PDB file of N, CA and C in Angstrom:
ATOM      1  N   MET A   1     -20.137  -6.889  59.379  1.00  0.00           N
ATOM      2  CA  MET A   1     -19.702  -7.102  58.295  1.00  0.00           C
ATOM      3  C   MET A   1     -19.930  -8.503  57.333  1.00  0.00           C
ATOM      4  N   THR A   2     -19.943  -7.859  56.393  1.00  0.00           N
ATOM      5  CA  THR A   2     -20.568  -9.229  55.546  1.00  0.00           C
ATOM      6  C   THR A   2     -19.572  -9.228  54.538  1.00  0.00           C
ATOM      7  N   VAL A   3     -19.505 -10.586  54.217  1.00  0.00           N
ATOM      8  CA  VAL A   3     -18.661 -11.075  53.152  1.00  0.00           C
ATOM      9  C   VAL A   3     -19.037 -10.433  51.626  1.00  0.00           C
ATOM     10  N   ASN A   4     -20.292 -10.687  51.086  1.00  0.00           N
ATOM     11  CA  ASN A   4     -20.939 -10.308  50.440  1.00  0.00           C
ATOM     12  C   ASN A   4     -20.129  -8.879  49.642  1.00  0.00           C
ATOM     13  N   VAL A   5     -19.841  -8.230  50.049  1.00  0.00           N
ATOM     14  CA  VAL A   5     -19.247  -6.429  50.234  1.00  0.00           C
ATOM     15  C   VAL A   5     -18.093  -6.671  49.186  1.00  0.00           C
ATOM     16  N   LEU A   6     -17.297  -7.878  49.414  1.00  0.00           N
ATOM     17  CA  LEU A   6     -16.049  -7.616  49.047  1.00  0.00           C
ATOM     18  C   LEU A   6     -15.989  -8.671  47.748  1.00  0.00           C
ATOM     19  N   LEU A   7     -16.650  -9.456  47.736  1.00  0.00           N
ATOM     20  CA  LEU A   7     -16.625 -10.347  46.557  1.00  0.00           C
ATOM     21  C   LEU A   7     -17.117  -9.836  45.474  1.00  0.00           C
ATOM     22  N   PRO A   8     -16.840  -9.605  44.077  1.00  0.00           N
ATOM     23  CA  PRO A   8     -17.534  -9.416  42.975  1.00  0.00           C
ATOM     24  C   PRO A   8     -18.547 -10.012  42.846  1.00  0.00           C
ATOM     25  N   SER A   9     -19.618  -9.223  42.325  1.00  0.00           N
ATOM     26  CA  SER A   9     -20.903 -10.347  41.939  1.00  0.00           C
ATOM     27  C   SER A   9     -20.967 -10.962  40.603  1.00  0.00           C
ATOM     28  N   ALA A  10     -21.623 -11.977  40.313  1.00  0.00           N
ATOM     29  CA  ALA A  10     -21.377 -13.384  39.646  1.00  0.00           C
ATOM     30  C   ALA A  10     -21.425 -12.241  38.208  1.00  0.00           C
ATOM     31  N   SER A  11     -22.583 -11.815  37.992  1.00  0.00           N
ATOM     32  CA  SER A  11     -22.447 -10.850  36.738  1.00  0.00           C
ATOM     33  C   SER A  11     -21.185  -9.657  36.108  1.00  0.00           C
ATOM     34  N   ALA A  12     -20.906  -9.564  36.917  1.00  0.00           N
ATOM     35  CA  ALA A  12     -19.593  -8.723  36.729  1.00  0.00           C
ATOM     36  C   ALA A  12     -18.626  -9.985  36.311  1.00  0.00           C
ATOM     37  N   VAL A  13     -18.207 -10.915  37.028  1.00  0.00           N
ATOM     38  CA  VAL A  13     -17.551 -11.383  36.787  1.00  0.00           C
ATOM     39  C   VAL A  13     -17.646 -12.396  35.325  1.00  0.00           C
ATOM     40  N   GLY A  14     -18.941 -12.636  35.214  1.00  0.00           N
ATOM     41  CA  GLY A  14     -19.325 -13.167  33.950  1.00  0.00           C
ATOM     42  C   GLY A  14     -19.026 -12.447  32.681  1.00  0.00           C
ATOM     43  N   ILE A  15     -19.403 -11.046  32.775  1.00  0.00           N
ATOM     44  CA  ILE A  15     -19.295  -9.682  31.568  1.00  0.00           C
ATOM     45  C   ILE A  15     -17.778  -9.788  31.872  1.00  0.00           C
ATOM     46  N   LEU A  16     -16.939  -9.616  32.291  1.00  0.00           N
ATOM     47  CA  LEU A  16     -15.162  -9.623  32.314  1.00  0.00           C
ATOM     48  C   LEU A  16     -15.224 -11.045  31.441  1.00  0.00           C
ATOM     49  N   ILE A  17     -15.158 -12.090  31.720  1.00  0.00           N
ATOM     50  CA  ILE A  17     -15.529 -13.369  31.177  1.00  0.00           C
ATOM     51  C   ILE A  17     -15.330 -13.218  29.949  1.00  0.00           C
ATOM     52  N   ALA A  18     -16.860 -12.889  29.602  1.00  0.00           N
ATOM     53  CA  ALA A  18     -16.813 -12.830  28.206  1.00  0.00           C
ATOM     54  C   ALA A  18     -16.335 -11.865  27.353  1.00  0.00           C
ATOM     55  N   ALA A  19     -15.771 -10.980  27.715  1.00  0.00           N
ATOM     56  CA  ALA A  19     -14.556  -9.520  27.267  1.00  0.00           C
ATOM     57  C   ALA A  19     -13.761 -10.380  26.841  1.00  0.00           C
ATOM     58  N   LEU A  20     -13.189 -11.138  28.199  1.00  0.00           N
ATOM     59  CA  LEU A  20     -11.985 -11.713  27.779  1.00  0.00           C
ATOM     60  C   LEU A  20     -11.676 -13.185  26.724  1.00  0.00           C
ATOM     61  N   ALA A  21     -12.945 -13.631  27.087  1.00  0.00           N
ATOM     62  CA  ALA A  21     -13.080 -14.792  25.608  1.00  0.00           C
ATOM     63  C   ALA A  21     -13.289 -13.851  24.175  1.00  0.00           C
ATOM     64  N   ARG A  22     -13.350 -12.619  24.187  1.00  0.00           N
ATOM     65  CA  ARG A  22     -13.998 -12.014  23.067  1.00  0.00           C
ATOM     66  C   ARG A  22     -12.408 -11.595  21.962  1.00  0.00           C
ATOM     67  N   VAL A  23     -11.386 -11.228  23.369  1.00  0.00           N
ATOM     68  CA  VAL A  23     -10.751 -10.627  22.745  1.00  0.00           C
ATOM     69  C   VAL A  23      -9.766 -11.756  22.356  1.00  0.00           C
ATOM     70  N   VAL A  24      -9.690 -12.666  23.552  1.00  0.00           N
ATOM     71  CA  VAL A  24      -8.679 -13.652  22.950  1.00  0.00           C
ATOM     72  C   VAL A  24      -8.995 -14.112  20.919  1.00  0.00           C
ATOM     73  N   TRP A  25     -10.532 -14.413  21.363  1.00  0.00           N
ATOM     74  CA  TRP A  25     -11.337 -14.965  19.968  1.00  0.00           C
ATOM     75  C   TRP A  25     -11.163 -13.862  18.831  1.00  0.00           C
ATOM     76  N   LEU A  26     -10.842 -12.747  19.012  1.00  0.00           N
ATOM     77  CA  LEU A  26      -9.994 -11.580  17.856  1.00  0.00           C
ATOM     78  C   LEU A  26      -8.304 -11.926  17.371  1.00  0.00           C
ATOM     79  N   VAL A  27      -8.164 -11.865  19.268  1.00  0.00           N
ATOM     80  CA  VAL A  27      -6.445 -12.481  18.571  1.00  0.00           C
ATOM     81  C   VAL A  27      -6.345 -13.654  17.646  1.00  0.00           C
ATOM     82  N   VAL A  28      -7.151 -15.032  18.418  1.00  0.00           N
ATOM     83  CA  VAL A  28      -6.464 -16.089  17.433  1.00  0.00           C
ATOM     84  C   VAL A  28      -6.701 -15.959  16.111  1.00  0.00           C
ATOM     85  N   THR A  29      -8.372 -15.044  15.003  1.00  0.00           N
ATOM     86  CA  THR A  29      -8.621 -15.134  13.827  1.00  0.00           C
ATOM     87  C   THR A  29      -8.428 -13.742  13.373  1.00  0.00           C
ATOM     88  N   GLY A  30      -7.072 -13.255  13.870  1.00  0.00           N
ATOM     89  CA  GLY A  30      -6.412 -12.012  13.223  1.00  0.00           C
ATOM     90  C   GLY A  30      -7.350 -11.188  12.682  1.00  0.00           C
ATOM     91  N   ARG A  31      -8.142 -10.446  13.728  1.00  0.00           N
ATOM     92  CA  ARG A  31      -9.030  -9.232  13.949  1.00  0.00           C
ATOM     93  C   ARG A  31      -8.413  -8.641  14.448  1.00  0.00           C
ATOM     94  N   LEU A  32      -7.328  -8.896  15.039  1.00  0.00           N
ATOM     95  CA  LEU A  32      -6.713  -8.029  16.563  1.00  0.00           C
ATOM     96  C   LEU A  32      -5.299  -8.256  16.616  1.00  0.00           C
ATOM     97  N   VAL A  33      -4.747  -7.206  15.896  1.00  0.00           N
ATOM     98  CA  VAL A  33      -3.283  -7.646  15.807  1.00  0.00           C
ATOM     99  C   VAL A  33      -2.351  -6.564  16.147  1.00  0.00           C
ATOM    100  N   PRO A  34      -0.939  -6.337  16.845  1.00  0.00           N
ATOM    101  CA  PRO A  34      -0.416  -5.281  17.563  1.00  0.00           C
ATOM    102  C   PRO A  34      -0.186  -4.336  16.567  1.00  0.00           C
ATOM    103  N   HIS A  35       0.085  -2.914  17.057  1.00  0.00           N
ATOM    104  CA  HIS A  35      -0.149  -1.848  16.601  1.00  0.00           C
ATOM    105  C   HIS A  35       0.824  -1.713  15.403  1.00  0.00           C
ATOM    106  N   GLY A  36       2.470  -2.017  15.774  1.00  0.00           N
ATOM    107  CA  GLY A  36       3.144  -2.001  15.168  1.00  0.00           C
ATOM    108  C   GLY A  36       3.159  -3.021  13.287  1.00  0.00           C
ATOM    109  N   GLN A  37       2.593  -4.074  13.606  1.00  0.00           N
ATOM    110  CA  GLN A  37       2.004  -5.007  12.691  1.00  0.00           C
ATOM    111  C   GLN A  37       0.838  -4.168  11.266  1.00  0.00           C
ATOM    112  N   LEU A  38      -0.008  -3.779  12.700  1.00  0.00           N
ATOM    113  CA  LEU A  38      -0.984  -2.797  11.748  1.00  0.00           C
ATOM    114  C   LEU A  38      -0.342  -1.268  10.948  1.00  0.00           C
ATOM    115  N   ASP A  39       0.784  -0.917  11.617  1.00  0.00           N
ATOM    116  CA  ASP A  39       1.781   0.032  10.577  1.00  0.00           C
ATOM    117  C   ASP A  39       2.495  -0.292   9.732  1.00  0.00           C
ATOM    118  N   ASP A  40       2.898  -1.432   9.831  1.00  0.00           N
ATOM    119  CA  ASP A  40       3.036  -1.947   8.091  1.00  0.00           C
ATOM    120  C   ASP A  40       2.642  -2.276   7.488  1.00  0.00           C
ATOM    121  N   VAL A  41       0.993  -2.815   7.499  1.00  0.00           N
ATOM    122  CA  VAL A  41       0.151  -2.908   6.911  1.00  0.00           C
ATOM    123  C   VAL A  41      -0.061  -1.865   5.843  1.00  0.00           C
ATOM    124  N   ARG A  42      -0.779  -0.630   6.843  1.00  0.00           N
ATOM    125  CA  ARG A  42      -0.785   0.365   6.028  1.00  0.00           C
ATOM    126  C   ARG A  42       0.703   1.192   5.617  1.00  0.00           C
ATOM    127  N   ALA A  43       1.691   1.295   5.877  1.00  0.00           N
ATOM    128  CA  ALA A  43       2.761   1.189   4.618  1.00  0.00           C
ATOM    129  C   ALA A  43       2.961   0.688   3.636  1.00  0.00           C
ATOM    130  N   ASP A  44       2.471  -0.181   3.453  1.00  0.00           N
ATOM    131  CA  ASP A  44       2.345  -1.260   2.524  1.00  0.00           C
ATOM    132  C   ASP A  44       1.676  -0.684   1.483  1.00  0.00           C
ATOM    133  N   ARG A  45       0.509  -0.852   2.053  1.00  0.00           N
ATOM    134  CA  ARG A  45      -0.916  -0.304   1.161  1.00  0.00           C
ATOM    135  C   ARG A  45      -0.763   1.169   0.437  1.00  0.00           C
ATOM    136  N   ASP A  46       0.308   2.177   1.587  1.00  0.00           N
ATOM    137  CA  ASP A  46       0.482   3.625   1.490  1.00  0.00           C
ATOM    138  C   ASP A  46       1.355   3.119  -0.291  1.00  0.00           C
ATOM    139  N   LYS A  47       2.073   2.914  -0.161  1.00  0.00           N
ATOM    140  CA  LYS A  47       3.187   2.359  -0.995  1.00  0.00           C
ATOM    141  C   LYS A  47       2.409   1.867  -2.451  1.00  0.00           C
ATOM    142  N   GLN A  48       1.551   0.798  -2.210  1.00  0.00           N
ATOM    143  CA  GLN A  48       0.682   0.581  -3.247  1.00  0.00           C
ATOM    144  C   GLN A  48      -0.187   1.398  -3.968  1.00  0.00           C
ATOM    145  N   LEU A  49      -0.354   2.788  -3.200  1.00  0.00           N
ATOM    146  CA  LEU A  49      -1.550   3.525  -3.556  1.00  0.00           C
ATOM    147  C   LEU A  49      -0.921   4.569  -4.409  1.00  0.00           C
ATOM    148  N   ALA A  50       0.466   4.671  -4.044  1.00  0.00           N
ATOM    149  CA  ALA A  50       1.638   5.720  -4.527  1.00  0.00           C
ATOM    150  C   ALA A  50       1.628   4.916  -6.132  1.00  0.00           C
ATOM    151  N   ARG A  51       2.241   3.664  -6.007  1.00  0.00           N
ATOM    152  CA  ARG A  51       2.016   2.725  -7.381  1.00  0.00           C
ATOM    153  C   ARG A  51       1.357   3.212  -8.329  1.00  0.00           C
ATOM    154  N   ALA A  52      -0.099   3.024  -7.832  1.00  0.00           N
ATOM    155  CA  ALA A  52      -1.267   3.444  -8.328  1.00  0.00           C
ATOM    156  C   ALA A  52      -1.643   4.767  -9.100  1.00  0.00           C
ATOM    157  N   ASP A  53      -0.703   5.709  -8.455  1.00  0.00           N
ATOM    158  CA  ASP A  53      -0.852   7.020  -8.623  1.00  0.00           C
ATOM    159  C   ASP A  53      -0.126   7.388 -10.020  1.00  0.00           C
ATOM    160  N   ALA A  54       0.964   6.671  -9.038  1.00  0.00           N
ATOM    161  CA  ALA A  54       2.128   6.860 -10.476  1.00  0.00           C
ATOM    162  C   ALA A  54       1.994   6.399 -11.950  1.00  0.00           C
ATOM    163  N   GLU A  55       1.270   5.249 -12.074  1.00  0.00           N
ATOM    164  CA  GLU A  55       0.757   4.646 -13.263  1.00  0.00           C
ATOM    165  C   GLU A  55      -0.442   5.094 -13.524  1.00  0.00           C
ATOM    166  N   VAL A  56      -1.404   6.020 -13.396  1.00  0.00           N
ATOM    167  CA  VAL A  56      -2.273   6.551 -13.592  1.00  0.00           C
ATOM    168  C   VAL A  56      -1.624   7.926 -14.222  1.00  0.00           C
ATOM    169  N   ALA A  57      -0.473   8.316 -13.499  1.00  0.00           N
ATOM    170  CA  ALA A  57      -0.219   9.391 -14.075  1.00  0.00           C
ATOM    171  C   ALA A  57       0.447   9.489 -15.325  1.00  0.00           C
ATOM    172  N   ARG A  58       1.016   8.649 -15.452  1.00  0.00           N
ATOM    173  CA  ARG A  58       1.973   7.812 -16.655  1.00  0.00           C
ATOM    174  C   ARG A  58       0.780   7.623 -17.421  1.00  0.00           C
ATOM    175  N   TRP A  59      -0.452   6.892 -17.551  1.00  0.00           N
ATOM    176  CA  TRP A  59      -1.173   6.247 -18.615  1.00  0.00           C
ATOM    177  C   TRP A  59      -1.857   7.613 -18.763  1.00  0.00           C
ATOM    178  N   ARG A  60      -2.000   8.690 -18.183  1.00  0.00           N
ATOM    179  CA  ARG A  60      -3.039   9.640 -18.679  1.00  0.00           C
ATOM    180  C   ARG A  60      -1.756  10.741 -19.542  1.00  0.00           C
ATOM    181  N   SER A  61      -0.584  10.903 -19.101  1.00  0.00           N
ATOM    182  CA  SER A  61       0.507  11.596 -19.600  1.00  0.00           C
ATOM    183  C   SER A  61       0.454  11.080 -21.177  1.00  0.00           C
ATOM    184  N   ALA A  62       0.428   9.443 -20.914  1.00  0.00           N
ATOM    185  CA  ALA A  62       0.892   8.826 -22.593  1.00  0.00           C
ATOM    186  C   ALA A  62      -0.841   9.294 -23.082  1.00  0.00           C
ATOM    187  N   TYR A  63      -1.970   9.432 -22.514  1.00  0.00           N
ATOM    188  CA  TYR A  63      -3.172   9.958 -23.211  1.00  0.00           C
ATOM    189  C   TYR A  63      -3.155  11.008 -23.696  1.00  0.00           C
ATOM    190  N   GLU A  64      -2.739  12.001 -23.185  1.00  0.00           N
ATOM    191  CA  GLU A  64      -2.690  13.547 -23.580  1.00  0.00           C
ATOM    192  C   GLU A  64      -2.221  13.861 -24.600  1.00  0.00           C
ATOM    193  N   TYR A  65      -0.262  12.770 -24.876  1.00  0.00           N
ATOM    194  CA  TYR A  65       0.335  13.346 -25.723  1.00  0.00           C
ATOM    195  C   TYR A  65       0.030  12.557 -27.349  1.00  0.00           C
ATOM    196  N   SER A  66      -0.596  11.396 -27.259  1.00  0.00           N
ATOM    197  CA  SER A  66      -1.935  10.941 -28.131  1.00  0.00           C
ATOM    198  C   SER A  66      -2.935  11.700 -28.547  1.00  0.00           C
ATOM    199  N   GLU A  67      -3.213  12.393 -27.540  1.00  0.00           N
ATOM    200  CA  GLU A  67      -4.716  13.302 -28.261  1.00  0.00           C
ATOM    201  C   GLU A  67      -3.793  14.325 -29.098  1.00  0.00           C
ATOM    202  N   GLN A  68      -2.929  14.816 -28.585  1.00  0.00           N
ATOM    203  CA  GLN A  68      -2.154  16.207 -29.150  1.00  0.00           C
ATOM    204  C   GLN A  68      -1.924  15.664 -30.503  1.00  0.00           C
ATOM    205  N   ALA A  69      -1.058  14.556 -30.173  1.00  0.00           N
ATOM    206  CA  ALA A  69      -0.719  13.860 -31.684  1.00  0.00           C
ATOM    207  C   ALA A  69      -1.920  13.984 -32.702  1.00  0.00           C
ATOM    208  N   ARG A  70      -2.929  13.582 -32.218  1.00  0.00           N
ATOM    209  CA  ARG A  70      -4.463  13.278 -33.206  1.00  0.00           C
ATOM    210  C   ARG A  70      -5.021  14.327 -33.879  1.00  0.00           C
ATOM    211  N   ARG A  71      -4.875  15.271 -32.691  1.00  0.00           N
ATOM    212  CA  ARG A  71      -5.689  16.647 -33.154  1.00  0.00           C
ATOM    213  C   ARG A  71      -4.117  17.407 -34.493  1.00  0.00           C
ATOM    214  N   ILE A  72      -3.172  17.373 -33.913  1.00  0.00           N
ATOM    215  CA  ILE A  72      -2.289  17.711 -35.209  1.00  0.00           C
ATOM    216  C   ILE A  72      -2.127  17.033 -36.298  1.00  0.00           C
ATOM    217  N   ASP A  73      -2.451  15.625 -36.447  1.00  0.00           N
ATOM    218  CA  ASP A  73      -3.052  14.986 -37.508  1.00  0.00           C
ATOM    219  C   ASP A  73      -3.947  15.023 -37.934  1.00  0.00           C
ATOM    220  N   ALA A  74      -4.972  15.574 -37.114  1.00  0.00           N
ATOM    221  CA  ALA A  74      -6.219  15.974 -37.959  1.00  0.00           C
ATOM    222  C   ALA A  74      -6.070  17.475 -38.590  1.00  0.00           C
ATOM    223  N   GLY A  75      -5.440  18.141 -37.796  1.00  0.00           N
ATOM    224  CA  GLY A  75      -4.899  19.355 -38.520  1.00  0.00           C
ATOM    225  C   GLY A  75      -4.474  19.153 -39.886  1.00  0.00           C
ATOM    226  N   HIS A  76      -3.393  18.783 -40.290  1.00  0.00           N
ATOM    227  CA  HIS A  76      -2.792  18.334 -41.370  1.00  0.00           C
ATOM    228  C   HIS A  76      -3.314  17.726 -42.505  1.00  0.00           C
ATOM    229  N   THR A  77      -4.204  17.019 -41.746  1.00  0.00           N
ATOM    230  CA  THR A  77      -4.751  15.958 -43.201  1.00  0.00           C
ATOM    231  C   THR A  77      -5.978  17.213 -43.695  1.00  0.00           C
ATOM    232  N   GLY A  78      -6.504  18.101 -42.929  1.00  0.00           N
ATOM    233  CA  GLY A  78      -7.091  19.108 -43.548  1.00  0.00           C
ATOM    234  C   GLY A  78      -6.753  20.265 -44.608  1.00  0.00           C
ATOM    235  N   GLN A  79      -5.404  20.402 -44.105  1.00  0.00           N
ATOM    236  CA  GLN A  79      -4.692  20.935 -44.663  1.00  0.00           C
ATOM    237  C   GLN A  79      -4.176  20.613 -46.386  1.00  0.00           C
ATOM    238  N   ILE A  80      -4.176  19.109 -45.860  1.00  0.00           N
ATOM    239  CA  ILE A  80      -3.719  18.438 -47.251  1.00  0.00           C
ATOM    240  C   ILE A  80      -4.610  18.574 -48.428  1.00  0.00           C
ATOM    241  N   LEU A  81      -5.920  18.305 -47.530  1.00  0.00           N
ATOM    242  CA  LEU A  81      -7.148  18.102 -48.310  1.00  0.00           C
ATOM    243  C   LEU A  81      -7.607  19.461 -49.331  1.00  0.00           C
ATOM    244  N   ALA A  82      -7.427  20.484 -48.216  1.00  0.00           N
ATOM    245  CA  ALA A  82      -8.077  21.525 -48.835  1.00  0.00           C
ATOM    246  C   ALA A  82      -6.940  22.089 -50.212  1.00  0.00           C
ATOM    247  N   ASN A  83      -5.331  21.448 -50.090  1.00  0.00           N
ATOM    248  CA  ASN A  83      -4.605  21.865 -51.383  1.00  0.00           C
ATOM    249  C   ASN A  83      -4.575  20.525 -52.106  1.00  0.00           C
ATOM    250  N   VAL A  84      -4.998  19.762 -51.972  1.00  0.00           N
ATOM    251  CA  VAL A  84      -5.509  18.616 -52.999  1.00  0.00           C
ATOM    252  C   VAL A  84      -6.650  19.255 -53.984  1.00  0.00           C
ATOM    253  N   THR A  85      -7.541  19.942 -53.348  1.00  0.00           N
ATOM    254  CA  THR A  85      -8.991  20.263 -53.632  1.00  0.00           C
ATOM    255  C   THR A  85      -8.722  21.586 -54.578  1.00  0.00           C
ATOM    256  N   ALA A  86      -7.287  22.235 -53.945  1.00  0.00           N
ATOM    257  CA  ALA A  86      -7.294  23.166 -55.291  1.00  0.00           C
ATOM    258  C   ALA A  86      -6.606  22.834 -56.148  1.00  0.00           C
ATOM    259  N   VAL A  87      -5.472  22.414 -55.675  1.00  0.00           N
ATOM    260  CA  VAL A  87      -4.639  21.599 -57.025  1.00  0.00           C
ATOM    261  C   VAL A  87      -5.595  21.146 -58.210  1.00  0.00           C
ATOM    262  N   ALA A  88      -6.600  20.467 -57.907  1.00  0.00           N
ATOM    263  CA  ALA A  88      -7.815  19.548 -58.421  1.00  0.00           C
ATOM    264  C   ALA A  88      -8.429  20.670 -59.322  1.00  0.00           C
ATOM    265  N   ALA A  89      -8.809  21.605 -58.835  1.00  0.00           N
ATOM    266  CA  ALA A  89      -9.863  22.737 -59.448  1.00  0.00           C
ATOM    267  C   ALA A  89      -9.040  23.472 -60.065  1.00  0.00           C
ATOM    268  N   ALA A  90      -7.249  23.908 -60.363  1.00  0.00           N
ATOM    269  CA  ALA A  90      -6.891  24.460 -60.786  1.00  0.00           C
ATOM    270  C   ALA A  90      -5.923  23.435 -62.319  1.00  0.00           C
ATOM    271  N   LEU A  91      -6.056  22.565 -62.165  1.00  0.00           N
ATOM    272  CA  LEU A  91      -5.903  21.577 -63.048  1.00  0.00           C
ATOM    273  C   LEU A  91      -7.155  21.917 -64.651  1.00  0.00           C
ATOM    274  N   PRO A  92      -6.183  21.819 -65.874  1.00  0.00           N
ATOM    275  CA  PRO A  92      -7.348  21.956 -66.947  1.00  0.00           C
ATOM    276  C   PRO A  92      -8.111  21.231 -67.145  1.00  0.00           C
ATOM    277  N   ALA A  93      -9.388  21.380 -67.529  1.00  0.00           N
ATOM    278  CA  ALA A  93     -10.370  20.507 -68.113  1.00  0.00           C
ATOM    279  C   ALA A  93      -9.635  19.514 -69.119  1.00  0.00           C
ATOM    280  N   PRO A  94      -9.876  18.032 -68.997  1.00  0.00           N
ATOM    281  CA  PRO A  94      -9.334  17.054 -70.560  1.00  0.00           C
ATOM    282  C   PRO A  94      -9.971  17.730 -71.640  1.00  0.00           C
ATOM    283  N   ALA A  95      -9.631  17.125 -72.447  1.00  0.00           N
ATOM    284  CA  ALA A  95     -10.355  17.941 -74.055  1.00  0.00           C
ATOM    285  C   ALA A  95     -11.758  16.755 -74.299  1.00  0.00           C
ATOM    286  N   GLY A  96     -12.447  17.800 -74.517  1.00  0.00           N
ATOM    287  CA  GLY A  96     -13.973  17.239 -74.795  1.00  0.00           C
ATOM    288  C   GLY A  96     -14.507  17.229 -73.798  1.00  0.00           C
ATOM    289  N   GLU A  97     -14.205  17.614 -72.362  1.00  0.00           N
ATOM    290  CA  GLU A  97     -15.027  17.756 -71.353  1.00  0.00           C
ATOM    291  C   GLU A  97     -15.418  19.052 -70.990  1.00  0.00           C
ATOM    292  N   PRO A  98     -16.477  19.374 -70.298  1.00  0.00           N
ATOM    293  CA  PRO A  98     -16.880  20.822 -70.116  1.00  0.00           C
ATOM    294  C   PRO A  98     -15.976  21.434 -68.797  1.00  0.00           C
ATOM    295  N   ALA A  99     -15.916  22.412 -68.400  1.00  0.00           N
ATOM    296  CA  ALA A  99     -15.202  22.543 -67.529  1.00  0.00           C
ATOM    297  C   ALA A  99     -16.010  22.491 -66.208  1.00  0.00           C
ATOM    298  N   GLY A 100     -14.989  22.152 -65.167  1.00  0.00           N
ATOM    299  CA  GLY A 100     -15.415  21.451 -63.833  1.00  0.00           C
ATOM    300  C   GLY A 100     -15.668  20.130 -63.632  1.00  0.00           C
ATOM    301  N   GLY A 101     -15.163  19.264 -64.952  1.00  0.00           N
ATOM    302  CA  GLY A 101     -15.050  17.902 -64.936  1.00  0.00           C
ATOM    303  C   GLY A 101     -16.432  17.473 -64.532  1.00  0.00           C
ATOM    304  N   SER A 102     -15.954  16.107 -65.040  1.00  0.00           N
ATOM    305  CA  SER A 102     -17.107  14.822 -65.019  1.00  0.00           C
ATOM    306  C   SER A 102     -18.291  14.878 -64.251  1.00  0.00           C
ATOM    307  N   ASP A 103     -18.128  15.162 -62.865  1.00  0.00           N
ATOM    308  CA  ASP A 103     -19.232  15.862 -62.077  1.00  0.00           C
ATOM    309  C   ASP A 103     -19.937  16.695 -62.458  1.00  0.00           C
ATOM    310  N   ALA A 104     -19.820  18.029 -62.938  1.00  0.00           N
ATOM    311  CA  ALA A 104     -20.081  19.180 -63.750  1.00  0.00           C
ATOM    312  C   ALA A 104     -21.246  18.784 -64.775  1.00  0.00           C
ATOM    313  N   ALA A 105     -20.637  17.644 -66.012  1.00  0.00           N
ATOM    314  CA  ALA A 105     -21.302  17.202 -66.766  1.00  0.00           C
ATOM    315  C   ALA A 105     -22.782  16.178 -65.822  1.00  0.00           C
ATOM    316  N   ALA A 106     -22.583  15.131 -64.930  1.00  0.00           N
ATOM    317  CA  ALA A 106     -23.573  14.375 -64.554  1.00  0.00           C
ATOM    318  C   ALA A 106     -24.676  15.197 -63.740  1.00  0.00           C
ATOM    319  N   VAL A 107     -24.215  16.124 -63.339  1.00  0.00           N
ATOM    320  CA  VAL A 107     -25.146  17.515 -62.420  1.00  0.00           C
ATOM    321  C   VAL A 107     -26.079  18.005 -63.709  1.00  0.00           C
ATOM    322  N   ALA A 108     -25.484  18.298 -64.885  1.00  0.00           N
ATOM    323  CA  ALA A 108     -25.846  18.825 -65.728  1.00  0.00           C
ATOM    324  C   ALA A 108     -27.085  18.303 -66.531  1.00  0.00           C
TER     325      ALA A 108
END
């Protein structure tokens, strides 16, 4: 019976030491953290995303309300312009000007 069979080879020990050194390095630099801490970070991130989504929804609602008000305002402006044009056309021409106002005289 030989003793070499019972002892691990030097390359296996080297690989094990390198892996252990890598794990220690990850822990020291903060890249490897406990699962509970990772869950806390994920929960905080999810809360921030939920707040951001709520803010986006609030701004989208404000934009849609603003656009609806703008469309209503544009419709009212068109109606007012049509009414003013109808009233101006219905007014009698001033004395000494041809029918249609001064624009008609300038074109003719």
